[in-house]
Amino acid sequence: MNLKALTLAAILGVATPAIADIATNTPVLAQNAYPSGSYQDGTWAVSFSWSDGDSFNYSGRNKRTGDSIQLYGAQASGNAQRRVYTWYNGQTRYQVAWRPSDPNVVRVQVFAPNGREVLNRLLRR
């Protein structure tokens, strides 16, 4: 048999899996650095948005009473595994904890001016 043909067949045989992997490898989608969209449970509904390109905003509504609040300009803290966004309405602190590894769930907490937690709920998309 022809030595050139055998060499070419061997090279192609070794290279084919690598070529196929490169050709069919799907790109990894970037994770958001923040929660987006709407989250809710039976009582509470919250949504998040950006305004002016640099202000991360919170919109919350009590589904039973209809009371609502809009807060602008979150302070971000936490780390890459657990991000925390904090807004203030006077001395009342609204805090949302979110994990990029579990983007469909947020924890919403509200703290009274004296530091007492008055709300702690897990909300889902």
PDB file of N, CA and C in Angstrom:
ATOM      1  N   MET A   1       0.843  -1.166   0.000  1.00  0.00           N
ATOM      2  CA  MET A   1       0.000   0.000   0.000  1.00  0.00           C
ATOM      3  C   MET A   1       0.891   1.231   0.000  1.00  0.00           C
ATOM      4  N   ASN A   2       0.361   2.326  -0.457  1.00  0.00           N
ATOM      5  CA  ASN A   2       1.093   3.568  -0.582  1.00  0.00           C
ATOM      6  C   ASN A   2       1.355   4.165   0.800  1.00  0.00           C
ATOM      7  N   LEU A   3       2.612   4.470   1.094  1.00  0.00           N
ATOM      8  CA  LEU A   3       3.002   5.020   2.389  1.00  0.00           C
ATOM      9  C   LEU A   3       2.377   6.394   2.631  1.00  0.00           C
ATOM     10  N   LYS A   4       2.286   7.211   1.580  1.00  0.00           N
ATOM     11  CA  LYS A   4       1.679   8.540   1.727  1.00  0.00           C
ATOM     12  C   LYS A   4       0.197   8.415   2.100  1.00  0.00           C
ATOM     13  N   ALA A   5      -0.499   7.480   1.494  1.00  0.00           N
ATOM     14  CA  ALA A   5      -1.920   7.292   1.783  1.00  0.00           C
ATOM     15  C   ALA A   5      -2.117   6.821   3.219  1.00  0.00           C
ATOM     16  N   LEU A   6      -1.261   5.903   3.696  1.00  0.00           N
ATOM     17  CA  LEU A   6      -1.344   5.431   5.073  1.00  0.00           C
ATOM     18  C   LEU A   6      -1.060   6.558   6.068  1.00  0.00           C
ATOM     19  N   THR A   7      -0.059   7.376   5.780  1.00  0.00           N
ATOM     20  CA  THR A   7       0.285   8.493   6.664  1.00  0.00           C
ATOM     21  C   THR A   7      -0.867   9.487   6.738  1.00  0.00           C
ATOM     22  N   LEU A   8      -1.445   9.824   5.584  1.00  0.00           N
ATOM     23  CA  LEU A   8      -2.570  10.755   5.543  1.00  0.00           C
ATOM     24  C   LEU A   8      -3.770  10.183   6.306  1.00  0.00           C
ATOM     25  N   ALA A   9      -4.050   8.911   6.141  1.00  0.00           N
ATOM     26  CA  ALA A   9      -5.168   8.280   6.841  1.00  0.00           C
ATOM     27  C   ALA A   9      -4.941   8.300   8.353  1.00  0.00           C
ATOM     28  N   ALA A  10      -3.707   8.066   8.781  1.00  0.00           N
ATOM     29  CA  ALA A  10      -3.395   8.079  10.212  1.00  0.00           C
ATOM     30  C   ALA A  10      -3.558   9.485  10.792  1.00  0.00           C
ATOM     31  N   ILE A  11      -3.066  10.489  10.066  1.00  0.00           N
ATOM     32  CA  ILE A  11      -3.183  11.877  10.544  1.00  0.00           C
ATOM     33  C   ILE A  11      -4.646  12.281  10.632  1.00  0.00           C
ATOM     34  N   LEU A  12      -5.418  11.984   9.605  1.00  0.00           N
ATOM     35  CA  LEU A  12      -6.834  12.340   9.619  1.00  0.00           C
ATOM     36  C   LEU A  12      -7.591  11.581  10.705  1.00  0.00           C
ATOM     37  N   GLY A  13      -7.214  10.345  10.926  1.00  0.00           N
ATOM     38  CA  GLY A  13      -7.870   9.555  11.958  1.00  0.00           C
ATOM     39  C   GLY A  13      -7.638  10.123  13.350  1.00  0.00           C
ATOM     40  N   VAL A  14      -6.443  10.637  13.594  1.00  0.00           N
ATOM     41  CA  VAL A  14      -6.127  11.232  14.891  1.00  0.00           C
ATOM     42  C   VAL A  14      -6.743  12.623  15.006  1.00  0.00           C
ATOM     43  N   ALA A  15      -6.745  13.387  13.922  1.00  0.00           N
ATOM     44  CA  ALA A  15      -7.203  14.779  13.960  1.00  0.00           C
ATOM     45  C   ALA A  15      -8.720  14.912  13.921  1.00  0.00           C
ATOM     46  N   THR A  16      -9.421  13.939  13.388  1.00  0.00           N
ATOM     47  CA  THR A  16     -10.871  14.062  13.211  1.00  0.00           C
ATOM     48  C   THR A  16     -11.622  14.341  14.516  1.00  0.00           C
ATOM     49  N   PRO A  17     -11.349  13.643  15.623  1.00  0.00           N
ATOM     50  CA  PRO A  17     -12.079  13.982  16.856  1.00  0.00           C
ATOM     51  C   PRO A  17     -11.849  15.430  17.310  1.00  0.00           C
ATOM     52  N   ALA A  18     -10.625  15.919  17.170  1.00  0.00           N
ATOM     53  CA  ALA A  18     -10.345  17.302  17.569  1.00  0.00           C
ATOM     54  C   ALA A  18     -11.053  18.288  16.655  1.00  0.00           C
ATOM     55  N   ILE A  19     -11.049  18.020  15.365  1.00  0.00           N
ATOM     56  CA  ILE A  19     -11.738  18.892  14.411  1.00  0.00           C
ATOM     57  C   ILE A  19     -13.238  18.877  14.688  1.00  0.00           C
ATOM     58  N   ALA A  20     -13.794  17.708  14.939  1.00  0.00           N
ATOM     59  CA  ALA A  20     -15.224  17.603  15.225  1.00  0.00           C
ATOM     60  C   ALA A  20     -15.578  18.340  16.512  1.00  0.00           C
ATOM     61  N   ASP A  21     -14.707  18.244  17.512  1.00  0.00           N
ATOM     62  CA  ASP A  21     -14.969  18.933  18.778  1.00  0.00           C
ATOM     63  C   ASP A  21     -14.970  20.445  18.583  1.00  0.00           C
ATOM     64  N   ILE A  22     -14.044  20.959  17.830  1.00  0.00           N
ATOM     65  CA  ILE A  22     -13.985  22.398  17.564  1.00  0.00           C
ATOM     66  C   ILE A  22     -15.187  22.837  16.743  1.00  0.00           C
ATOM     67  N   ALA A  23     -15.558  22.051  15.747  1.00  0.00           N
ATOM     68  CA  ALA A  23     -16.653  22.424  14.852  1.00  0.00           C
ATOM     69  C   ALA A  23     -18.015  22.362  15.539  1.00  0.00           C
ATOM     70  N   THR A  24     -18.186  21.460  16.486  1.00  0.00           N
ATOM     71  CA  THR A  24     -19.505  21.290  17.107  1.00  0.00           C
ATOM     72  C   THR A  24     -19.595  21.856  18.518  1.00  0.00           C
ATOM     73  N   ASN A  25     -18.500  22.397  19.040  1.00  0.00           N
ATOM     74  CA  ASN A  25     -18.508  22.933  20.395  1.00  0.00           C
ATOM     75  C   ASN A  25     -19.379  24.177  20.454  1.00  0.00           C
ATOM     76  N   THR A  26     -20.393  24.158  21.322  1.00  0.00           N
ATOM     77  CA  THR A  26     -21.282  25.308  21.443  1.00  0.00           C
ATOM     78  C   THR A  26     -20.678  26.317  22.406  1.00  0.00           C
ATOM     79  N   PRO A  27     -20.854  27.592  22.137  1.00  0.00           N
ATOM     80  CA  PRO A  27     -20.267  28.600  23.018  1.00  0.00           C
ATOM     81  C   PRO A  27     -20.974  28.627  24.373  1.00  0.00           C
ATOM     82  N   VAL A  28     -20.234  28.989  25.393  1.00  0.00           N
ATOM     83  CA  VAL A  28     -20.794  29.136  26.731  1.00  0.00           C
ATOM     84  C   VAL A  28     -21.430  30.514  26.817  1.00  0.00           C
ATOM     85  N   LEU A  29     -22.678  30.559  27.272  1.00  0.00           N
ATOM     86  CA  LEU A  29     -23.355  31.836  27.412  1.00  0.00           C
ATOM     87  C   LEU A  29     -22.883  32.531  28.677  1.00  0.00           C
ATOM     88  N   ALA A  30     -22.662  33.809  28.582  1.00  0.00           N
ATOM     89  CA  ALA A  30     -22.234  34.582  29.743  1.00  0.00           C
ATOM     90  C   ALA A  30     -23.370  34.672  30.756  1.00  0.00           C
ATOM     91  N   GLN A  31     -23.044  34.545  32.010  1.00  0.00           N
ATOM     92  CA  GLN A  31     -24.039  34.695  33.064  1.00  0.00           C
ATOM     93  C   GLN A  31     -24.220  36.173  33.363  1.00  0.00           C
ATOM     94  N   ASN A  32     -25.442  36.537  33.692  1.00  0.00           N
ATOM     95  CA  ASN A  32     -25.682  37.901  34.135  1.00  0.00           C
ATOM     96  C   ASN A  32     -24.942  38.139  35.442  1.00  0.00           C
ATOM     97  N   ALA A  33     -24.558  39.376  35.659  1.00  0.00           N
ATOM     98  CA  ALA A  33     -23.915  39.754  36.907  1.00  0.00           C
ATOM     99  C   ALA A  33     -24.943  40.254  37.915  1.00  0.00           C
ATOM    100  N   TYR A  34     -26.208  40.131  37.591  1.00  0.00           N
ATOM    101  CA  TYR A  34     -27.280  40.659  38.424  1.00  0.00           C
ATOM    102  C   TYR A  34     -28.567  39.904  38.120  1.00  0.00           C
ATOM    103  N   PRO A  35     -29.519  39.898  39.050  1.00  0.00           N
ATOM    104  CA  PRO A  35     -30.811  39.271  38.743  1.00  0.00           C
ATOM    105  C   PRO A  35     -31.562  40.130  37.738  1.00  0.00           C
ATOM    106  N   SER A  36     -32.306  39.500  36.873  1.00  0.00           N
ATOM    107  CA  SER A  36     -33.071  40.265  35.887  1.00  0.00           C
ATOM    108  C   SER A  36     -34.477  39.692  35.783  1.00  0.00           C
ATOM    109  N   GLY A  37     -35.404  40.542  35.389  1.00  0.00           N
ATOM    110  CA  GLY A  37     -36.775  40.097  35.225  1.00  0.00           C
ATOM    111  C   GLY A  37     -37.559  40.151  36.518  1.00  0.00           C
ATOM    112  N   SER A  38     -38.588  39.303  36.600  1.00  0.00           N
ATOM    113  CA  SER A  38     -39.527  39.318  37.727  1.00  0.00           C
ATOM    114  C   SER A  38     -39.442  38.032  38.538  1.00  0.00           C
ATOM    115  N   TYR A  39     -39.646  38.179  39.842  1.00  0.00           N
ATOM    116  CA  TYR A  39     -39.644  37.071  40.787  1.00  0.00           C
ATOM    117  C   TYR A  39     -40.862  37.255  41.684  1.00  0.00           C
ATOM    118  N   GLN A  40     -41.432  36.131  42.161  1.00  0.00           N
ATOM    119  CA  GLN A  40     -42.620  36.279  43.000  1.00  0.00           C
ATOM    120  C   GLN A  40     -42.894  35.033  43.825  1.00  0.00           C
ATOM    121  N   ASP A  41     -43.761  35.214  44.802  1.00  0.00           N
ATOM    122  CA  ASP A  41     -44.384  34.112  45.528  1.00  0.00           C
ATOM    123  C   ASP A  41     -45.860  34.468  45.628  1.00  0.00           C
ATOM    124  N   GLY A  42     -46.600  33.876  46.552  1.00  0.00           N
ATOM    125  CA  GLY A  42     -48.027  34.144  46.648  1.00  0.00           C
ATOM    126  C   GLY A  42     -48.377  35.551  47.090  1.00  0.00           C
ATOM    127  N   THR A  43     -47.449  36.227  47.756  1.00  0.00           N
ATOM    128  CA  THR A  43     -47.725  37.554  48.307  1.00  0.00           C
ATOM    129  C   THR A  43     -46.928  38.666  47.646  1.00  0.00           C
ATOM    130  N   TRP A  44     -45.701  38.396  47.299  1.00  0.00           N
ATOM    131  CA  TRP A  44     -44.798  39.446  46.833  1.00  0.00           C
ATOM    132  C   TRP A  44     -44.388  39.245  45.385  1.00  0.00           C
ATOM    133  N   ALA A  45     -44.231  40.348  44.672  1.00  0.00           N
ATOM    134  CA  ALA A  45     -43.696  40.337  43.305  1.00  0.00           C
ATOM    135  C   ALA A  45     -42.657  41.444  43.220  1.00  0.00           C
ATOM    136  N   VAL A  46     -41.475  41.115  42.742  1.00  0.00           N
ATOM    137  CA  VAL A  46     -40.433  42.119  42.551  1.00  0.00           C
ATOM    138  C   VAL A  46     -39.868  41.978  41.149  1.00  0.00           C
ATOM    139  N   SER A  47     -39.382  43.078  40.625  1.00  0.00           N
ATOM    140  CA  SER A  47     -38.694  43.045  39.341  1.00  0.00           C
ATOM    141  C   SER A  47     -37.503  43.984  39.407  1.00  0.00           C
ATOM    142  N   PHE A  48     -36.554  43.728  38.541  1.00  0.00           N
ATOM    143  CA  PHE A  48     -35.308  44.478  38.522  1.00  0.00           C
ATOM    144  C   PHE A  48     -35.091  45.048  37.134  1.00  0.00           C
ATOM    145  N   SER A  49     -34.519  46.243  37.080  1.00  0.00           N
ATOM    146  CA  SER A  49     -34.254  46.885  35.790  1.00  0.00           C
ATOM    147  C   SER A  49     -33.067  47.829  35.929  1.00  0.00           C
ATOM    148  N   TRP A  50     -32.569  48.245  34.781  1.00  0.00           N
ATOM    149  CA  TRP A  50     -31.498  49.241  34.720  1.00  0.00           C
ATOM    150  C   TRP A  50     -32.069  50.526  34.156  1.00  0.00           C
ATOM    151  N   SER A  51     -31.650  51.660  34.691  1.00  0.00           N
ATOM    152  CA  SER A  51     -32.009  52.940  34.089  1.00  0.00           C
ATOM    153  C   SER A  51     -30.743  53.766  33.926  1.00  0.00           C
ATOM    154  N   ASP A  52     -30.729  54.570  32.904  1.00  0.00           N
ATOM    155  CA  ASP A  52     -29.569  55.416  32.604  1.00  0.00           C
ATOM    156  C   ASP A  52     -28.287  54.604  32.478  1.00  0.00           C
ATOM    157  N   GLY A  53     -28.416  53.315  32.241  1.00  0.00           N
ATOM    158  CA  GLY A  53     -27.256  52.467  32.019  1.00  0.00           C
ATOM    159  C   GLY A  53     -26.437  52.120  33.246  1.00  0.00           C
ATOM    160  N   ASP A  54     -26.633  52.825  34.359  1.00  0.00           N
ATOM    161  CA  ASP A  54     -25.788  52.539  35.514  1.00  0.00           C
ATOM    162  C   ASP A  54     -26.532  52.514  36.846  1.00  0.00           C
ATOM    163  N   SER A  55     -27.845  52.575  36.829  1.00  0.00           N
ATOM    164  CA  SER A  55     -28.630  52.536  38.059  1.00  0.00           C
ATOM    165  C   SER A  55     -29.462  51.256  38.078  1.00  0.00           C
ATOM    166  N   PHE A  56     -29.140  50.359  39.018  1.00  0.00           N
ATOM    167  CA  PHE A  56     -29.866  49.097  39.143  1.00  0.00           C
ATOM    168  C   PHE A  56     -31.052  49.332  40.064  1.00  0.00           C
ATOM    169  N   ASN A  57     -32.248  49.010  39.601  1.00  0.00           N
ATOM    170  CA  ASN A  57     -33.482  49.407  40.270  1.00  0.00           C
ATOM    171  C   ASN A  57     -34.332  48.213  40.708  1.00  0.00           C
ATOM    172  N   TYR A  58     -35.141  48.466  41.733  1.00  0.00           N
ATOM    173  CA  TYR A  58     -36.010  47.475  42.363  1.00  0.00           C
ATOM    174  C   TYR A  58     -37.436  47.999  42.312  1.00  0.00           C
ATOM    175  N   SER A  59     -38.344  47.145  41.905  1.00  0.00           N
ATOM    176  CA  SER A  59     -39.766  47.472  41.953  1.00  0.00           C
ATOM    177  C   SER A  59     -40.456  46.331  42.687  1.00  0.00           C
ATOM    178  N   GLY A  60     -41.087  46.643  43.810  1.00  0.00           N
ATOM    179  CA  GLY A  60     -41.731  45.615  44.619  1.00  0.00           C
ATOM    180  C   GLY A  60     -43.201  45.912  44.825  1.00  0.00           C
ATOM    181  N   ARG A  61     -43.993  44.834  44.893  1.00  0.00           N
ATOM    182  CA  ARG A  61     -45.439  45.000  45.073  1.00  0.00           C
ATOM    183  C   ARG A  61     -45.980  43.880  45.952  1.00  0.00           C
ATOM    184  N   ASN A  62     -46.814  44.265  46.919  1.00  0.00           N
ATOM    185  CA  ASN A  62     -47.545  43.299  47.730  1.00  0.00           C
ATOM    186  C   ASN A  62     -48.794  42.934  46.931  1.00  0.00           C
ATOM    187  N   LYS A  63     -48.909  41.693  46.502  1.00  0.00           N
ATOM    188  CA  LYS A  63     -50.014  41.266  45.641  1.00  0.00           C
ATOM    189  C   LYS A  63     -51.351  41.252  46.373  1.00  0.00           C
ATOM    190  N   ARG A  64     -51.333  41.183  47.681  1.00  0.00           N
ATOM    191  CA  ARG A  64     -52.584  41.151  48.447  1.00  0.00           C
ATOM    192  C   ARG A  64     -53.138  42.545  48.712  1.00  0.00           C
ATOM    193  N   THR A  65     -52.243  43.491  49.027  1.00  0.00           N
ATOM    194  CA  THR A  65     -52.707  44.841  49.374  1.00  0.00           C
ATOM    195  C   THR A  65     -52.594  45.828  48.222  1.00  0.00           C
ATOM    196  N   GLY A  66     -51.749  45.503  47.238  1.00  0.00           N
ATOM    197  CA  GLY A  66     -51.509  46.427  46.130  1.00  0.00           C
ATOM    198  C   GLY A  66     -50.454  47.471  46.429  1.00  0.00           C
ATOM    199  N   ASP A  67     -49.932  47.523  47.657  1.00  0.00           N
ATOM    200  CA  ASP A  67     -48.873  48.474  47.995  1.00  0.00           C
ATOM    201  C   ASP A  67     -47.640  48.181  47.147  1.00  0.00           C
ATOM    202  N   SER A  68     -46.961  49.245  46.723  1.00  0.00           N
ATOM    203  CA  SER A  68     -45.781  49.047  45.887  1.00  0.00           C
ATOM    204  C   SER A  68     -44.718  50.083  46.222  1.00  0.00           C
ATOM    205  N   ILE A  69     -43.500  49.788  45.786  1.00  0.00           N
ATOM    206  CA  ILE A  69     -42.381  50.695  46.006  1.00  0.00           C
ATOM    207  C   ILE A  69     -41.395  50.539  44.855  1.00  0.00           C
ATOM    208  N   GLN A  70     -40.783  51.643  44.474  1.00  0.00           N
ATOM    209  CA  GLN A  70     -39.722  51.637  43.479  1.00  0.00           C
ATOM    210  C   GLN A  70     -38.487  52.238  44.139  1.00  0.00           C
ATOM    211  N   LEU A  71     -37.369  51.551  44.004  1.00  0.00           N
ATOM    212  CA  LEU A  71     -36.108  52.002  44.588  1.00  0.00           C
ATOM    213  C   LEU A  71     -35.047  52.025  43.498  1.00  0.00           C
ATOM    214  N   TYR A  72     -34.163  53.009  43.562  1.00  0.00           N
ATOM    215  CA  TYR A  72     -33.191  53.221  42.492  1.00  0.00           C
ATOM    216  C   TYR A  72     -31.770  53.252  43.051  1.00  0.00           C
ATOM    217  N   GLY A  73     -30.831  52.778  42.237  1.00  0.00           N
ATOM    218  CA  GLY A  73     -29.415  52.908  42.565  1.00  0.00           C
ATOM    219  C   GLY A  73     -28.923  51.981  43.653  1.00  0.00           C
ATOM    220  N   ALA A  74     -28.953  50.687  43.392  1.00  0.00           N
ATOM    221  CA  ALA A  74     -28.498  49.700  44.379  1.00  0.00           C
ATOM    222  C   ALA A  74     -27.010  49.832  44.653  1.00  0.00           C
ATOM    223  N   GLN A  75     -26.645  49.488  45.879  1.00  0.00           N
ATOM    224  CA  GLN A  75     -25.247  49.307  46.243  1.00  0.00           C
ATOM    225  C   GLN A  75     -24.969  47.809  46.135  1.00  0.00           C
ATOM    226  N   ALA A  76     -23.942  47.438  45.387  1.00  0.00           N
ATOM    227  CA  ALA A  76     -23.618  46.025  45.190  1.00  0.00           C
ATOM    228  C   ALA A  76     -22.521  45.599  46.161  1.00  0.00           C
ATOM    229  N   SER A  77     -22.652  44.371  46.672  1.00  0.00           N
ATOM    230  CA  SER A  77     -21.633  43.785  47.539  1.00  0.00           C
ATOM    231  C   SER A  77     -21.677  42.274  47.355  1.00  0.00           C
ATOM    232  N   GLY A  78     -20.967  41.556  48.193  1.00  0.00           N
ATOM    233  CA  GLY A  78     -20.932  40.103  48.081  1.00  0.00           C
ATOM    234  C   GLY A  78     -19.724  39.649  47.290  1.00  0.00           C
ATOM    235  N   ASN A  79     -19.852  38.471  46.682  1.00  0.00           N
ATOM    236  CA  ASN A  79     -18.754  37.921  45.894  1.00  0.00           C
ATOM    237  C   ASN A  79     -19.320  37.276  44.638  1.00  0.00           C
ATOM    238  N   ALA A  80     -18.482  36.594  43.877  1.00  0.00           N
ATOM    239  CA  ALA A  80     -18.923  36.012  42.606  1.00  0.00           C
ATOM    240  C   ALA A  80     -19.967  34.916  42.801  1.00  0.00           C
ATOM    241  N   GLN A  81     -19.975  34.251  43.955  1.00  0.00           N
ATOM    242  CA  GLN A  81     -20.934  33.174  44.202  1.00  0.00           C
ATOM    243  C   GLN A  81     -22.258  33.681  44.776  1.00  0.00           C
ATOM    244  N   ARG A  82     -22.232  34.774  45.504  1.00  0.00           N
ATOM    245  CA  ARG A  82     -23.444  35.311  46.137  1.00  0.00           C
ATOM    246  C   ARG A  82     -23.368  36.830  46.103  1.00  0.00           C
ATOM    247  N   ARG A  83     -24.222  37.402  45.312  1.00  0.00           N
ATOM    248  CA  ARG A  83     -24.230  38.853  45.158  1.00  0.00           C
ATOM    249  C   ARG A  83     -25.365  39.448  45.975  1.00  0.00           C
ATOM    250  N   VAL A  84     -25.107  40.590  46.569  1.00  0.00           N
ATOM    251  CA  VAL A  84     -26.095  41.261  47.413  1.00  0.00           C
ATOM    252  C   VAL A  84     -26.277  42.682  46.890  1.00  0.00           C
ATOM    253  N   TYR A  85     -27.528  43.065  46.709  1.00  0.00           N
ATOM    254  CA  TYR A  85     -27.878  44.405  46.237  1.00  0.00           C
ATOM    255  C   TYR A  85     -28.713  45.067  47.320  1.00  0.00           C
ATOM    256  N   THR A  86     -28.351  46.307  47.668  1.00  0.00           N
ATOM    257  CA  THR A  86     -28.998  47.002  48.778  1.00  0.00           C
ATOM    258  C   THR A  86     -29.515  48.360  48.324  1.00  0.00           C
ATOM    259  N   TRP A  87     -30.764  48.638  48.698  1.00  0.00           N
ATOM    260  CA  TRP A  87     -31.406  49.932  48.449  1.00  0.00           C
ATOM    261  C   TRP A  87     -31.879  50.476  49.785  1.00  0.00           C
ATOM    262  N   TYR A  88     -32.023  51.793  49.867  1.00  0.00           N
ATOM    263  CA  TYR A  88     -32.553  52.431  51.077  1.00  0.00           C
ATOM    264  C   TYR A  88     -33.763  53.277  50.725  1.00  0.00           C
ATOM    265  N   ASN A  89     -34.776  53.197  51.577  1.00  0.00           N
ATOM    266  CA  ASN A  89     -35.928  54.090  51.534  1.00  0.00           C
ATOM    267  C   ASN A  89     -35.934  54.779  52.895  1.00  0.00           C
ATOM    268  N   GLY A  90     -35.322  55.955  52.968  1.00  0.00           N
ATOM    269  CA  GLY A  90     -35.075  56.566  54.269  1.00  0.00           C
ATOM    270  C   GLY A  90     -34.083  55.695  55.011  1.00  0.00           C
ATOM    271  N   GLN A  91     -34.444  55.240  56.199  1.00  0.00           N
ATOM    272  CA  GLN A  91     -33.567  54.361  56.971  1.00  0.00           C
ATOM    273  C   GLN A  91     -33.970  52.892  56.861  1.00  0.00           C
ATOM    274  N   THR A  92     -34.981  52.604  56.072  1.00  0.00           N
ATOM    275  CA  THR A  92     -35.387  51.216  55.842  1.00  0.00           C
ATOM    276  C   THR A  92     -34.514  50.640  54.741  1.00  0.00           C
ATOM    277  N   ARG A  93     -33.935  49.473  55.008  1.00  0.00           N
ATOM    278  CA  ARG A  93     -33.004  48.844  54.078  1.00  0.00           C
ATOM    279  C   ARG A  93     -33.689  47.680  53.373  1.00  0.00           C
ATOM    280  N   TYR A  94     -33.604  47.671  52.053  1.00  0.00           N
ATOM    281  CA  TYR A  94     -34.106  46.589  51.205  1.00  0.00           C
ATOM    282  C   TYR A  94     -32.888  45.879  50.643  1.00  0.00           C
ATOM    283  N   GLN A  95     -32.854  44.564  50.802  1.00  0.00           N
ATOM    284  CA  GLN A  95     -31.681  43.808  50.384  1.00  0.00           C
ATOM    285  C   GLN A  95     -32.117  42.597  49.575  1.00  0.00           C
ATOM    286  N   VAL A  96     -31.431  42.370  48.470  1.00  0.00           N
ATOM    287  CA  VAL A  96     -31.693  41.212  47.622  1.00  0.00           C
ATOM    288  C   VAL A  96     -30.399  40.429  47.480  1.00  0.00           C
ATOM    289  N   ALA A  97     -30.443  39.147  47.841  1.00  0.00           N
ATOM    290  CA  ALA A  97     -29.309  38.249  47.661  1.00  0.00           C
ATOM    291  C   ALA A  97     -29.621  37.335  46.487  1.00  0.00           C
ATOM    292  N   TRP A  98     -28.619  37.129  45.640  1.00  0.00           N
ATOM    293  CA  TRP A  98     -28.813  36.372  44.408  1.00  0.00           C
ATOM    294  C   TRP A  98     -27.560  35.578  44.097  1.00  0.00           C
ATOM    295  N   ARG A  99     -27.753  34.346  43.652  1.00  0.00           N
ATOM    296  CA  ARG A  99     -26.636  33.481  43.265  1.00  0.00           C
ATOM    297  C   ARG A  99     -26.679  33.254  41.759  1.00  0.00           C
ATOM    298  N   PRO A 100     -25.635  33.638  41.047  1.00  0.00           N
ATOM    299  CA  PRO A 100     -25.618  33.391  39.602  1.00  0.00           C
ATOM    300  C   PRO A 100     -25.790  31.917  39.254  1.00  0.00           C
ATOM    301  N   SER A 101     -25.384  31.014  40.145  1.00  0.00           N
ATOM    302  CA  SER A 101     -25.540  29.580  39.886  1.00  0.00           C
ATOM    303  C   SER A 101     -26.991  29.126  40.018  1.00  0.00           C
ATOM    304  N   ASP A 102     -27.839  29.945  40.616  1.00  0.00           N
ATOM    305  CA  ASP A 102     -29.269  29.650  40.766  1.00  0.00           C
ATOM    306  C   ASP A 102     -30.055  30.912  40.400  1.00  0.00           C
ATOM    307  N   PRO A 103     -30.029  31.307  39.111  1.00  0.00           N
ATOM    308  CA  PRO A 103     -30.559  32.610  38.705  1.00  0.00           C
ATOM    309  C   PRO A 103     -32.068  32.754  38.816  1.00  0.00           C
ATOM    310  N   ASN A 104     -32.785  31.682  39.077  1.00  0.00           N
ATOM    311  CA  ASN A 104     -34.248  31.754  39.142  1.00  0.00           C
ATOM    312  C   ASN A 104     -34.790  32.017  40.541  1.00  0.00           C
ATOM    313  N   VAL A 105     -33.904  32.271  41.497  1.00  0.00           N
ATOM    314  CA  VAL A 105     -34.319  32.500  42.886  1.00  0.00           C
ATOM    315  C   VAL A 105     -33.592  33.724  43.440  1.00  0.00           C
ATOM    316  N   VAL A 106     -34.331  34.567  44.166  1.00  0.00           N
ATOM    317  CA  VAL A 106     -33.728  35.666  44.923  1.00  0.00           C
ATOM    318  C   VAL A 106     -34.260  35.622  46.355  1.00  0.00           C
ATOM    319  N   ARG A 107     -33.467  36.110  47.278  1.00  0.00           N
ATOM    320  CA  ARG A 107     -33.919  36.290  48.660  1.00  0.00           C
ATOM    321  C   ARG A 107     -34.106  37.782  48.870  1.00  0.00           C
ATOM    322  N   VAL A 108     -35.320  38.171  49.235  1.00  0.00           N
ATOM    323  CA  VAL A 108     -35.637  39.571  49.510  1.00  0.00           C
ATOM    324  C   VAL A 108     -35.761  39.746  51.018  1.00  0.00           C
ATOM    325  N   GLN A 109     -35.016  40.705  51.548  1.00  0.00           N
ATOM    326  CA  GLN A 109     -35.078  41.018  52.971  1.00  0.00           C
ATOM    327  C   GLN A 109     -35.325  42.513  53.133  1.00  0.00           C
ATOM    328  N   VAL A 110     -36.110  42.854  54.141  1.00  0.00           N
ATOM    329  CA  VAL A 110     -36.356  44.253  54.483  1.00  0.00           C
ATOM    330  C   VAL A 110     -36.035  44.416  55.961  1.00  0.00           C
ATOM    331  N   PHE A 111     -35.267  45.471  56.276  1.00  0.00           N
ATOM    332  CA  PHE A 111     -34.853  45.741  57.645  1.00  0.00           C
ATOM    333  C   PHE A 111     -35.371  47.108  58.070  1.00  0.00           C
ATOM    334  N   ALA A 112     -36.027  47.146  59.219  1.00  0.00           N
ATOM    335  CA  ALA A 112     -36.532  48.394  59.794  1.00  0.00           C
ATOM    336  C   ALA A 112     -35.344  49.269  60.211  1.00  0.00           C
ATOM    337  N   PRO A 113     -35.582  50.557  60.447  1.00  0.00           N
ATOM    338  CA  PRO A 113     -34.489  51.445  60.866  1.00  0.00           C
ATOM    339  C   PRO A 113     -33.724  50.962  62.101  1.00  0.00           C
ATOM    340  N   ASN A 114     -34.377  50.215  62.993  1.00  0.00           N
ATOM    341  CA  ASN A 114     -33.688  49.697  64.182  1.00  0.00           C
ATOM    342  C   ASN A 114     -32.887  48.429  63.887  1.00  0.00           C
ATOM    343  N   GLY A 115     -32.857  47.977  62.622  1.00  0.00           N
ATOM    344  CA  GLY A 115     -32.099  46.793  62.229  1.00  0.00           C
ATOM    345  C   GLY A 115     -32.883  45.501  62.281  1.00  0.00           C
ATOM    346  N   ARG A 116     -34.104  45.547  62.777  1.00  0.00           N
ATOM    347  CA  ARG A 116     -34.928  44.333  62.870  1.00  0.00           C
ATOM    348  C   ARG A 116     -35.401  43.913  61.482  1.00  0.00           C
ATOM    349  N   GLU A 117     -35.254  42.631  61.188  1.00  0.00           N
ATOM    350  CA  GLU A 117     -35.711  42.095  59.908  1.00  0.00           C
ATOM    351  C   GLU A 117     -37.235  42.001  59.926  1.00  0.00           C
ATOM    352  N   VAL A 118     -37.889  42.636  58.950  1.00  0.00           N
ATOM    353  CA  VAL A 118     -39.354  42.602  58.896  1.00  0.00           C
ATOM    354  C   VAL A 118     -39.863  41.755  57.732  1.00  0.00           C
ATOM    355  N   LEU A 119     -38.974  41.379  56.823  1.00  0.00           N
ATOM    356  CA  LEU A 119     -39.366  40.512  55.709  1.00  0.00           C
ATOM    357  C   LEU A 119     -38.165  39.689  55.288  1.00  0.00           C
ATOM    358  N   ASN A 120     -38.389  38.406  55.025  1.00  0.00           N
ATOM    359  CA  ASN A 120     -37.347  37.516  54.526  1.00  0.00           C
ATOM    360  C   ASN A 120     -38.050  36.456  53.692  1.00  0.00           C
ATOM    361  N   ARG A 121     -37.988  36.605  52.376  1.00  0.00           N
ATOM    362  CA  ARG A 121     -38.720  35.693  51.484  1.00  0.00           C
ATOM    363  C   ARG A 121     -37.827  35.232  50.340  1.00  0.00           C
ATOM    364  N   LEU A 122     -38.011  33.971  49.949  1.00  0.00           N
ATOM    365  CA  LEU A 122     -37.419  33.457  48.717  1.00  0.00           C
ATOM    366  C   LEU A 122     -38.452  33.618  47.612  1.00  0.00           C
ATOM    367  N   LEU A 123     -38.075  34.288  46.547  1.00  0.00           N
ATOM    368  CA  LEU A 123     -38.971  34.489  45.409  1.00  0.00           C
ATOM    369  C   LEU A 123     -38.386  33.788  44.194  1.00  0.00           C
ATOM    370  N   ARG A 124     -39.272  33.266  43.359  1.00  0.00           N
ATOM    371  CA  ARG A 124     -38.854  32.520  42.159  1.00  0.00           C
ATOM    372  C   ARG A 124     -39.414  33.162  40.908  1.00  0.00           C
ATOM    373  N   ARG A 125     -38.734  32.886  39.802  1.00  0.00           N
ATOM    374  CA  ARG A 125     -39.229  33.383  38.506  1.00  0.00           C
ATOM    375  C   ARG A 125     -40.485  32.656  38.137  1.00  0.00           C
TER     376      ARG A 125
END
